[in-house]
Structure formats: structure tokens, C-alpha cells
Amino acid sequence: MNKKNIDKDEIKKFNRIASRWWDVNGDFGPLHKINPLRLDFVTKNIKLENKQVLDIGCGGGILSESMDDIGAFVTGIDMASDVIDVAKLHQKESGTNVNYQNISTEELASTKQSFYDVITCMEMLEHVPSPNDIISSCSSLLKANGYVFFSTINRNFKSFLFAIIGAEHILKLLPVGTHQYSKFIKPSEIEEIARKSNLELVDTIGINYNPLTKKYYCNSDVDVNYIMCFKKISAWTKPNLMLF
């Protein structure tokens, strides 16, 4: 397994704009706007209060702090050190108890197997060289019957048009170069990888944007942005067919 499953250019990119993470009208404004939608989807599937929760690719801590606020014991990890520094700085203002760490998912999995009740991995899979390793590590980190949530971007003409041309170049919702189309992932691909790691699909939802109202909303359309919820199941055991 790749212990350094990172794209150095991606890390540099997010470090450069780390200071803007908590500007609700800045580069990360869309994350602030979709955060309630993500949190609602998570809490719809699993109660977070008193749960051990891992937020992978936590960035400046937008989702991490929201989950802490409702009673979860949250660990937030990210490989962009400047972004983690921003998260820790904001934590001093917000008073949350998130445990922020500058560590990779694979490295954490070597010491925290079967430790977490819930894992969130939002808008991160499309920024690493091997999404497979992340998904596999999530399974290792999860307790039996634990839940993991992956959000990313579908790979098709519509997603290229909306997520890159529209969001980055026309509407200026995101900085140009935020995403690379070749790294987008189809839901079927995530489900196939997850199944091999004893993760069973529970729920899927799409997150979409109305440029007229400038509002985000959830529905069944997963053509562009989507979130998938999986539950960890026990490894299949071959039944004993011995006849007595």
C-alpha cells in the first residue's frame, strides 16, 4: 500500500490558498454552502453523538467542526500542513475539540485499525493518485458495522461542463485548476472498489447547483457531485458443508 498516497502539486495548491478557508465569500464559499447538505446526509444515515469520527481531507475543518458541534469525537486529517495550521487557528476561535493531524490515511490505518465508528471523506478522492488505497484504508480504520461517506465528482461530459467549465471558468465558484477531469470517479467505480473492501452501499445522493438562485440542493441526480454512504460488513465466511 502506498504510504505516501499524495500528489505534491495538489498539496502545494491547497497550501497556497489555505488562509482563505474560512472566508465564506472566498474560494471555499461553495464548501460552506454545501456543508449543511453533507451534514444532513451523514446524520440521516448515522447518529454522530458520542461516536468516534474521522474526517479525511478535513481541510480547514468546516465539516469537522460541524460534527464536533453535535457531539462527535472528531479527528481531522489532511496532508496539507498549512491547511491544518489554519484549522487549528480557527479552532481557537470556535472552541471545538477536533483533533487535527497532518498525517496520511494509510499511515493512520497502520495504528488505528477498527477504531472509528464513522468516516467522512469529502471531495478528496479526486485529489490523490490512488483512490483505491484510500477506500481500502477506510475499511481498515472502521469498526464492524461502521459507516463511511465518500463525496466526489462523476466522470462524464456533463460533469466536465458543470464542474470545470461552469464552476471554474464561467461562474468562478472555484479557482481555475481546482479539478482535473481525468481524476473524476464514477459511482460504479467507487462501489466496485468498496465492495472488495467489505463495504456495502447504503445510500447515494447528488448535490446540485442552481445558477439562477445561487443555491445548492440535494436530489437523485448524481451526474456531477454526489455522496455515497457505505457500511462495513464482516468478511464473508465459507459455510461448513460437512455432512454428519
C-alpha atoms as a PDB file:
ATOM      1  CA  MET A   1       0.000   0.000   0.000  1.00  0.00           C
ATOM      2  CA  ASN A   2       1.271   3.455  -0.846  1.00  0.00           C
ATOM      3  CA  LYS A   3       2.210   5.126   2.464  1.00  0.00           C
ATOM      4  CA  LYS A   4       2.573   8.464   0.693  1.00  0.00           C
ATOM      5  CA  ASN A   5      -0.566   8.496  -1.423  1.00  0.00           C
ATOM      6  CA  ILE A   6      -0.314  12.208  -2.187  1.00  0.00           C
ATOM      7  CA  ASP A   7       0.015  14.481  -5.185  1.00  0.00           C
ATOM      8  CA  LYS A   8       2.629  17.096  -4.240  1.00  0.00           C
ATOM      9  CA  ASP A   9       1.198  19.608  -6.701  1.00  0.00           C
ATOM     10  CA  GLU A  10      -2.229  19.238  -5.094  1.00  0.00           C
ATOM     11  CA  ILE A  11      -0.740  19.774  -1.630  1.00  0.00           C
ATOM     12  CA  LYS A  12       1.088  22.911  -2.795  1.00  0.00           C
ATOM     13  CA  LYS A  13      -2.108  24.209  -4.425  1.00  0.00           C
ATOM     14  CA  PHE A  14      -4.145  23.930  -1.240  1.00  0.00           C
ATOM     15  CA  ASN A  15      -1.324  25.245   0.945  1.00  0.00           C
ATOM     16  CA  ARG A  16      -1.152  28.388  -1.222  1.00  0.00           C
ATOM     17  CA  ILE A  17      -4.784  29.255  -0.559  1.00  0.00           C
ATOM     18  CA  ALA A  18      -5.015  27.885   2.981  1.00  0.00           C
ATOM     19  CA  SER A  19      -5.606  31.309   4.546  1.00  0.00           C
ATOM     20  CA  ARG A  20      -8.862  31.686   2.593  1.00  0.00           C
ATOM     21  CA  TRP A  21     -10.513  28.555   4.012  1.00  0.00           C
ATOM     22  CA  TRP A  22     -12.883  30.301   6.414  1.00  0.00           C
ATOM     23  CA  ASP A  23     -13.827  33.176   4.087  1.00  0.00           C
ATOM     24  CA  VAL A  24     -17.450  32.299   3.320  1.00  0.00           C
ATOM     25  CA  ASN A  25     -17.386  34.596   0.294  1.00  0.00           C
ATOM     26  CA  GLY A  26     -13.999  33.440  -0.994  1.00  0.00           C
ATOM     27  CA  ASP A  27     -12.551  30.463  -2.842  1.00  0.00           C
ATOM     28  CA  PHE A  28     -14.073  27.966  -0.426  1.00  0.00           C
ATOM     29  CA  GLY A  29     -17.503  29.590  -0.311  1.00  0.00           C
ATOM     30  CA  PRO A  30     -19.137  26.580  -2.028  1.00  0.00           C
ATOM     31  CA  LEU A  31     -17.867  24.274   0.730  1.00  0.00           C
ATOM     32  CA  HIS A  32     -19.523  26.457   3.360  1.00  0.00           C
ATOM     33  CA  LYS A  33     -22.779  26.395   1.400  1.00  0.00           C
ATOM     34  CA  ILE A  34     -22.892  22.628   0.851  1.00  0.00           C
ATOM     35  CA  ASN A  35     -21.694  21.767   4.356  1.00  0.00           C
ATOM     36  CA  PRO A  36     -25.239  21.672   5.835  1.00  0.00           C
ATOM     37  CA  LEU A  37     -26.311  19.351   2.996  1.00  0.00           C
ATOM     38  CA  ARG A  38     -23.420  16.998   3.655  1.00  0.00           C
ATOM     39  CA  LEU A  39     -24.021  17.006   7.386  1.00  0.00           C
ATOM     40  CA  ASP A  40     -27.722  16.291   6.892  1.00  0.00           C
ATOM     41  CA  PHE A  41     -26.914  13.312   4.670  1.00  0.00           C
ATOM     42  CA  VAL A  42     -24.472  11.908   7.223  1.00  0.00           C
ATOM     43  CA  THR A  43     -26.814  12.337  10.195  1.00  0.00           C
ATOM     44  CA  LYS A  44     -29.701  10.896   8.191  1.00  0.00           C
ATOM     45  CA  ASN A  45     -27.763   7.623   7.989  1.00  0.00           C
ATOM     46  CA  ILE A  46     -25.998   7.502  11.359  1.00  0.00           C
ATOM     47  CA  LYS A  47     -26.288   9.336  14.691  1.00  0.00           C
ATOM     48  CA  LEU A  48     -22.957  11.074  15.372  1.00  0.00           C
ATOM     49  CA  GLU A  49     -23.311  11.906  19.062  1.00  0.00           C
ATOM     50  CA  ASN A  50     -20.566  10.188  21.125  1.00  0.00           C
ATOM     51  CA  LYS A  51     -19.201   8.455  18.028  1.00  0.00           C
ATOM     52  CA  GLN A  52     -15.514   8.285  17.106  1.00  0.00           C
ATOM     53  CA  VAL A  53     -15.430  10.112  13.759  1.00  0.00           C
ATOM     54  CA  LEU A  54     -12.574  10.541  11.281  1.00  0.00           C
ATOM     55  CA  ASP A  55     -12.734  13.348   8.712  1.00  0.00           C
ATOM     56  CA  ILE A  56     -10.250  12.559   5.920  1.00  0.00           C
ATOM     57  CA  GLY A  57      -9.054  15.507   3.876  1.00  0.00           C
ATOM     58  CA  CYS A  58     -10.579  17.775   6.513  1.00  0.00           C
ATOM     59  CA  GLY A  59      -9.065  20.953   5.091  1.00  0.00           C
ATOM     60  CA  GLY A  60      -9.685  23.929   7.346  1.00  0.00           C
ATOM     61  CA  GLY A  61     -12.234  21.990   9.379  1.00  0.00           C
ATOM     62  CA  ILE A  62     -15.623  23.107   8.054  1.00  0.00           C
ATOM     63  CA  LEU A  63     -17.245  19.662   8.329  1.00  0.00           C
ATOM     64  CA  SER A  64     -15.058  18.579  11.250  1.00  0.00           C
ATOM     65  CA  GLU A  65     -16.236  21.448  13.428  1.00  0.00           C
ATOM     66  CA  SER A  66     -19.875  20.857  12.453  1.00  0.00           C
ATOM     67  CA  MET A  67     -19.668  17.228  13.574  1.00  0.00           C
ATOM     68  CA  ASP A  68     -17.905  18.222  16.794  1.00  0.00           C
ATOM     69  CA  ASP A  69     -20.713  20.701  17.479  1.00  0.00           C
ATOM     70  CA  ILE A  70     -23.288  17.914  17.545  1.00  0.00           C
ATOM     71  CA  GLY A  71     -21.358  15.732  19.967  1.00  0.00           C
ATOM     72  CA  ALA A  72     -18.986  13.580  17.908  1.00  0.00           C
ATOM     73  CA  PHE A  73     -15.386  12.909  18.920  1.00  0.00           C
ATOM     74  CA  VAL A  74     -13.726  14.099  15.724  1.00  0.00           C
ATOM     75  CA  THR A  75     -10.254  13.555  14.327  1.00  0.00           C
ATOM     76  CA  GLY A  76      -9.482  15.608  11.225  1.00  0.00           C
ATOM     77  CA  ILE A  77      -6.547  14.681   8.990  1.00  0.00           C
ATOM     78  CA  ASP A  78      -5.046  16.408   5.974  1.00  0.00           C
ATOM     79  CA  MET A  79      -1.680  16.240   4.217  1.00  0.00           C
ATOM     80  CA  ALA A  80      -1.576  19.993   3.546  1.00  0.00           C
ATOM     81  CA  SER A  81       0.278  21.270   6.618  1.00  0.00           C
ATOM     82  CA  ASP A  82      -0.639  24.925   6.100  1.00  0.00           C
ATOM     83  CA  VAL A  83      -4.307  23.993   5.910  1.00  0.00           C
ATOM     84  CA  ILE A  84      -4.067  22.046   9.179  1.00  0.00           C
ATOM     85  CA  ASP A  85      -2.481  25.134  10.767  1.00  0.00           C
ATOM     86  CA  VAL A  86      -5.487  27.180   9.608  1.00  0.00           C
ATOM     87  CA  ALA A  87      -7.856  24.583  11.081  1.00  0.00           C
ATOM     88  CA  LYS A  88      -6.065  24.729  14.427  1.00  0.00           C
ATOM     89  CA  LEU A  89      -6.089  28.529  14.402  1.00  0.00           C
ATOM     90  CA  HIS A  90      -9.823  28.659  13.690  1.00  0.00           C
ATOM     91  CA  GLN A  91     -10.385  26.117  16.438  1.00  0.00           C
ATOM     92  CA  LYS A  92      -9.076  28.629  18.964  1.00  0.00           C
ATOM     93  CA  GLU A  93     -11.893  30.959  17.925  1.00  0.00           C
ATOM     94  CA  SER A  94     -14.643  28.340  17.688  1.00  0.00           C
ATOM     95  CA  GLY A  95     -13.729  26.415  20.833  1.00  0.00           C
ATOM     96  CA  THR A  96     -14.213  22.996  19.225  1.00  0.00           C
ATOM     97  CA  ASN A  97     -12.332  19.885  20.333  1.00  0.00           C
ATOM     98  CA  VAL A  98     -11.340  18.440  16.942  1.00  0.00           C
ATOM     99  CA  ASN A  99      -8.067  16.503  16.986  1.00  0.00           C
ATOM    100  CA  TYR A 100      -6.284  17.789  13.863  1.00  0.00           C
ATOM    101  CA  GLN A 101      -3.353  15.825  12.470  1.00  0.00           C
ATOM    102  CA  ASN A 102      -1.051  16.235   9.465  1.00  0.00           C
ATOM    103  CA  ILE A 103      -0.976  12.539   8.576  1.00  0.00           C
ATOM    104  CA  SER A 104      -1.984  10.344   5.650  1.00  0.00           C
ATOM    105  CA  THR A 105      -4.932   7.957   5.735  1.00  0.00           C
ATOM    106  CA  GLU A 106      -2.670   4.989   5.101  1.00  0.00           C
ATOM    107  CA  GLU A 107      -0.308   5.925   7.932  1.00  0.00           C
ATOM    108  CA  LEU A 108      -3.199   6.329  10.354  1.00  0.00           C
ATOM    109  CA  ALA A 109      -4.614   2.967   9.274  1.00  0.00           C
ATOM    110  CA  SER A 110      -1.419   1.261  10.449  1.00  0.00           C
ATOM    111  CA  THR A 111      -2.127   2.282  14.054  1.00  0.00           C
ATOM    112  CA  LYS A 112      -5.909   2.742  14.304  1.00  0.00           C
ATOM    113  CA  GLN A 113      -7.430  -0.370  12.750  1.00  0.00           C
ATOM    114  CA  SER A 114     -11.122  -0.910  13.527  1.00  0.00           C
ATOM    115  CA  PHE A 115     -11.170   2.240  15.667  1.00  0.00           C
ATOM    116  CA  TYR A 116     -13.700   4.634  14.100  1.00  0.00           C
ATOM    117  CA  ASP A 117     -17.491   4.425  14.070  1.00  0.00           C
ATOM    118  CA  VAL A 118     -17.844   6.889  11.186  1.00  0.00           C
ATOM    119  CA  ILE A 119     -15.507   8.185   8.472  1.00  0.00           C
ATOM    120  CA  THR A 120     -16.146  11.111   6.145  1.00  0.00           C
ATOM    121  CA  CYS A 121     -14.011  11.632   3.051  1.00  0.00           C
ATOM    122  CA  MET A 122     -15.415  14.621   1.202  1.00  0.00           C
ATOM    123  CA  GLU A 123     -14.067  15.984  -2.097  1.00  0.00           C
ATOM    124  CA  MET A 124     -10.756  14.239  -1.540  1.00  0.00           C
ATOM    125  CA  LEU A 125     -10.645  11.092  -3.687  1.00  0.00           C
ATOM    126  CA  GLU A 126     -10.245  13.150  -6.869  1.00  0.00           C
ATOM    127  CA  HIS A 127      -7.085  14.763  -5.471  1.00  0.00           C
ATOM    128  CA  VAL A 128      -4.964  11.653  -4.755  1.00  0.00           C
ATOM    129  CA  PRO A 129      -3.023   9.265  -7.041  1.00  0.00           C
ATOM    130  CA  SER A 130      -4.741   6.133  -5.690  1.00  0.00           C
ATOM    131  CA  PRO A 131      -8.374   6.421  -4.521  1.00  0.00           C
ATOM    132  CA  ASN A 132      -8.326   2.615  -4.166  1.00  0.00           C
ATOM    133  CA  ASP A 133      -5.826   2.835  -1.303  1.00  0.00           C
ATOM    134  CA  ILE A 134      -7.912   5.460   0.480  1.00  0.00           C
ATOM    135  CA  ILE A 135     -11.069   3.346   0.260  1.00  0.00           C
ATOM    136  CA  SER A 136      -9.218   0.234   1.429  1.00  0.00           C
ATOM    137  CA  SER A 137      -7.678   2.140   4.345  1.00  0.00           C
ATOM    138  CA  CYS A 138     -11.108   3.466   5.334  1.00  0.00           C
ATOM    139  CA  SER A 139     -12.332  -0.100   5.665  1.00  0.00           C
ATOM    140  CA  SER A 140      -9.342  -0.947   7.874  1.00  0.00           C
ATOM    141  CA  LEU A 141      -9.980   2.089  10.066  1.00  0.00           C
ATOM    142  CA  LEU A 142     -13.690   1.345  10.504  1.00  0.00           C
ATOM    143  CA  LYS A 143     -15.223  -0.786  13.212  1.00  0.00           C
ATOM    144  CA  ALA A 144     -17.535  -3.585  12.094  1.00  0.00           C
ATOM    145  CA  ASN A 145     -20.882  -2.046  11.096  1.00  0.00           C
ATOM    146  CA  GLY A 146     -19.242   1.393  10.892  1.00  0.00           C
ATOM    147  CA  TYR A 147     -20.206   3.911   8.206  1.00  0.00           C
ATOM    148  CA  VAL A 148     -18.043   5.714   5.663  1.00  0.00           C
ATOM    149  CA  PHE A 149     -19.107   8.581   3.390  1.00  0.00           C
ATOM    150  CA  PHE A 150     -17.354   9.461   0.127  1.00  0.00           C
ATOM    151  CA  SER A 151     -18.172  12.581  -1.862  1.00  0.00           C
ATOM    152  CA  THR A 152     -16.556  13.271  -5.215  1.00  0.00           C
ATOM    153  CA  ILE A 153     -17.345  14.158  -8.841  1.00  0.00           C
ATOM    154  CA  ASN A 154     -18.707  11.880 -11.557  1.00  0.00           C
ATOM    155  CA  ARG A 155     -16.788  11.456 -14.832  1.00  0.00           C
ATOM    156  CA  ASN A 156     -18.826  12.311 -17.919  1.00  0.00           C
ATOM    157  CA  PHE A 157     -19.373  15.189 -20.339  1.00  0.00           C
ATOM    158  CA  LYS A 158     -21.906  16.868 -18.052  1.00  0.00           C
ATOM    159  CA  SER A 159     -19.505  16.881 -15.093  1.00  0.00           C
ATOM    160  CA  PHE A 160     -16.736  18.340 -17.267  1.00  0.00           C
ATOM    161  CA  LEU A 161     -19.120  21.037 -18.434  1.00  0.00           C
ATOM    162  CA  PHE A 162     -20.512  21.863 -14.992  1.00  0.00           C
ATOM    163  CA  ALA A 163     -17.636  21.191 -12.570  1.00  0.00           C
ATOM    164  CA  ILE A 164     -14.788  22.603 -14.647  1.00  0.00           C
ATOM    165  CA  ILE A 165     -16.052  24.869 -17.437  1.00  0.00           C
ATOM    166  CA  GLY A 166     -19.032  26.198 -15.475  1.00  0.00           C
ATOM    167  CA  ALA A 167     -17.809  26.247 -11.866  1.00  0.00           C
ATOM    168  CA  GLU A 168     -14.205  27.296 -12.522  1.00  0.00           C
ATOM    169  CA  HIS A 169     -14.242  29.342 -15.736  1.00  0.00           C
ATOM    170  CA  ILE A 170     -17.723  30.849 -16.118  1.00  0.00           C
ATOM    171  CA  LEU A 171     -19.331  31.166 -12.692  1.00  0.00           C
ATOM    172  CA  LYS A 172     -15.991  31.486 -10.863  1.00  0.00           C
ATOM    173  CA  LEU A 173     -17.289  29.383  -7.981  1.00  0.00           C
ATOM    174  CA  LEU A 174     -13.872  27.739  -7.640  1.00  0.00           C
ATOM    175  CA  PRO A 175     -10.300  28.744  -8.522  1.00  0.00           C
ATOM    176  CA  VAL A 176      -9.259  27.681 -12.036  1.00  0.00           C
ATOM    177  CA  GLY A 177      -7.338  24.410 -11.829  1.00  0.00           C
ATOM    178  CA  THR A 178      -9.127  23.100  -8.735  1.00  0.00           C
ATOM    179  CA  HIS A 179     -10.089  19.898 -10.521  1.00  0.00           C
ATOM    180  CA  GLN A 180      -8.677  17.607 -13.202  1.00  0.00           C
ATOM    181  CA  TYR A 181     -11.251  15.764 -15.285  1.00  0.00           C
ATOM    182  CA  SER A 182      -9.096  12.635 -15.547  1.00  0.00           C
ATOM    183  CA  LYS A 183      -9.327  12.207 -11.761  1.00  0.00           C
ATOM    184  CA  PHE A 184     -13.124  12.271 -11.625  1.00  0.00           C
ATOM    185  CA  ILE A 185     -14.662   8.962 -10.495  1.00  0.00           C
ATOM    186  CA  LYS A 186     -17.899   7.245 -11.468  1.00  0.00           C
ATOM    187  CA  PRO A 187     -20.149   5.984  -8.638  1.00  0.00           C
ATOM    188  CA  SER A 188     -19.979   2.476 -10.102  1.00  0.00           C
ATOM    189  CA  GLU A 189     -16.184   2.552  -9.805  1.00  0.00           C
ATOM    190  CA  ILE A 190     -16.301   3.545  -6.147  1.00  0.00           C
ATOM    191  CA  GLU A 191     -18.887   0.865  -5.408  1.00  0.00           C
ATOM    192  CA  GLU A 192     -16.740  -1.796  -7.081  1.00  0.00           C
ATOM    193  CA  ILE A 193     -13.648  -0.807  -5.090  1.00  0.00           C
ATOM    194  CA  ALA A 194     -15.649  -0.542  -1.866  1.00  0.00           C
ATOM    195  CA  ARG A 195     -17.199  -3.986  -2.320  1.00  0.00           C
ATOM    196  CA  LYS A 196     -13.725  -5.535  -2.433  1.00  0.00           C
ATOM    197  CA  SER A 197     -13.025  -3.886   0.936  1.00  0.00           C
ATOM    198  CA  ASN A 198     -16.139  -5.295   2.640  1.00  0.00           C
ATOM    199  CA  LEU A 199     -18.075  -2.046   2.274  1.00  0.00           C
ATOM    200  CA  GLU A 200     -21.747  -2.338   1.359  1.00  0.00           C
ATOM    201  CA  LEU A 201     -23.589   0.537  -0.332  1.00  0.00           C
ATOM    202  CA  VAL A 202     -26.318   2.031   1.855  1.00  0.00           C
ATOM    203  CA  ASP A 203     -27.315   5.317   0.238  1.00  0.00           C
ATOM    204  CA  THR A 204     -26.376   7.737  -2.551  1.00  0.00           C
ATOM    205  CA  ILE A 205     -27.384  11.340  -3.164  1.00  0.00           C
ATOM    206  CA  GLY A 206     -26.496  14.048  -5.665  1.00  0.00           C
ATOM    207  CA  ILE A 207     -25.596  17.650  -4.817  1.00  0.00           C
ATOM    208  CA  ASN A 208     -26.524  20.173  -7.487  1.00  0.00           C
ATOM    209  CA  TYR A 209     -26.371  23.938  -8.026  1.00  0.00           C
ATOM    210  CA  ASN A 210     -28.944  26.359  -9.422  1.00  0.00           C
ATOM    211  CA  PRO A 211     -27.042  29.295 -11.010  1.00  0.00           C
ATOM    212  CA  LEU A 212     -30.223  31.431 -11.033  1.00  0.00           C
ATOM    213  CA  THR A 213     -30.949  31.177  -7.312  1.00  0.00           C
ATOM    214  CA  LYS A 214     -27.276  30.555  -6.449  1.00  0.00           C
ATOM    215  CA  LYS A 215     -28.346  27.766  -4.133  1.00  0.00           C
ATOM    216  CA  TYR A 216     -27.210  24.161  -3.725  1.00  0.00           C
ATOM    217  CA  TYR A 217     -29.694  21.346  -3.244  1.00  0.00           C
ATOM    218  CA  CYS A 218     -29.833  17.557  -2.998  1.00  0.00           C
ATOM    219  CA  ASN A 219     -31.710  15.147  -5.244  1.00  0.00           C
ATOM    220  CA  SER A 220     -31.216  11.842  -7.059  1.00  0.00           C
ATOM    221  CA  ASP A 221     -29.139  13.361  -9.880  1.00  0.00           C
ATOM    222  CA  VAL A 222     -25.565  12.081  -9.414  1.00  0.00           C
ATOM    223  CA  ASP A 223     -24.272  13.199 -12.821  1.00  0.00           C
ATOM    224  CA  VAL A 224     -21.894  15.750 -11.268  1.00  0.00           C
ATOM    225  CA  ASN A 225     -21.385  15.950  -7.480  1.00  0.00           C
ATOM    226  CA  TYR A 226     -22.517  13.055  -5.321  1.00  0.00           C
ATOM    227  CA  ILE A 227     -22.099  11.423  -1.896  1.00  0.00           C
ATOM    228  CA  MET A 228     -22.144   7.682  -1.233  1.00  0.00           C
ATOM    229  CA  CYS A 229     -22.695   6.031   2.144  1.00  0.00           C
ATOM    230  CA  PHE A 230     -21.250   2.575   2.837  1.00  0.00           C
ATOM    231  CA  LYS A 231     -21.466   0.248   5.827  1.00  0.00           C
ATOM    232  CA  LYS A 232     -18.639  -2.092   6.780  1.00  0.00           C
ATOM    233  CA  ILE A 233     -19.710  -5.699   6.810  1.00  0.00           C
ATOM    234  CA  SER A 234     -17.887  -8.743   8.111  1.00  0.00           C
ATOM    235  CA  ALA A 235     -15.760 -10.655   5.643  1.00  0.00           C
ATOM    236  CA  TRP A 236     -17.675 -13.482   4.006  1.00  0.00           C
ATOM    237  CA  THR A 237     -17.033 -16.839   5.610  1.00  0.00           C
ATOM    238  CA  LYS A 238     -17.376 -20.032   3.636  1.00  0.00           C
ATOM    239  CA  PRO A 239     -20.126 -22.139   5.183  1.00  0.00           C
ATOM    240  CA  ASN A 240     -19.327 -25.550   6.624  1.00  0.00           C
ATOM    241  CA  LEU A 241     -20.907 -28.057   4.259  1.00  0.00           C
ATOM    242  CA  MET A 242     -19.654 -31.169   6.090  1.00  0.00           C
ATOM    243  CA  LEU A 243     -22.328 -33.807   6.346  1.00  0.00           C
ATOM    244  CA  PHE A 244     -22.761 -35.757   9.563  1.00  0.00           C
END
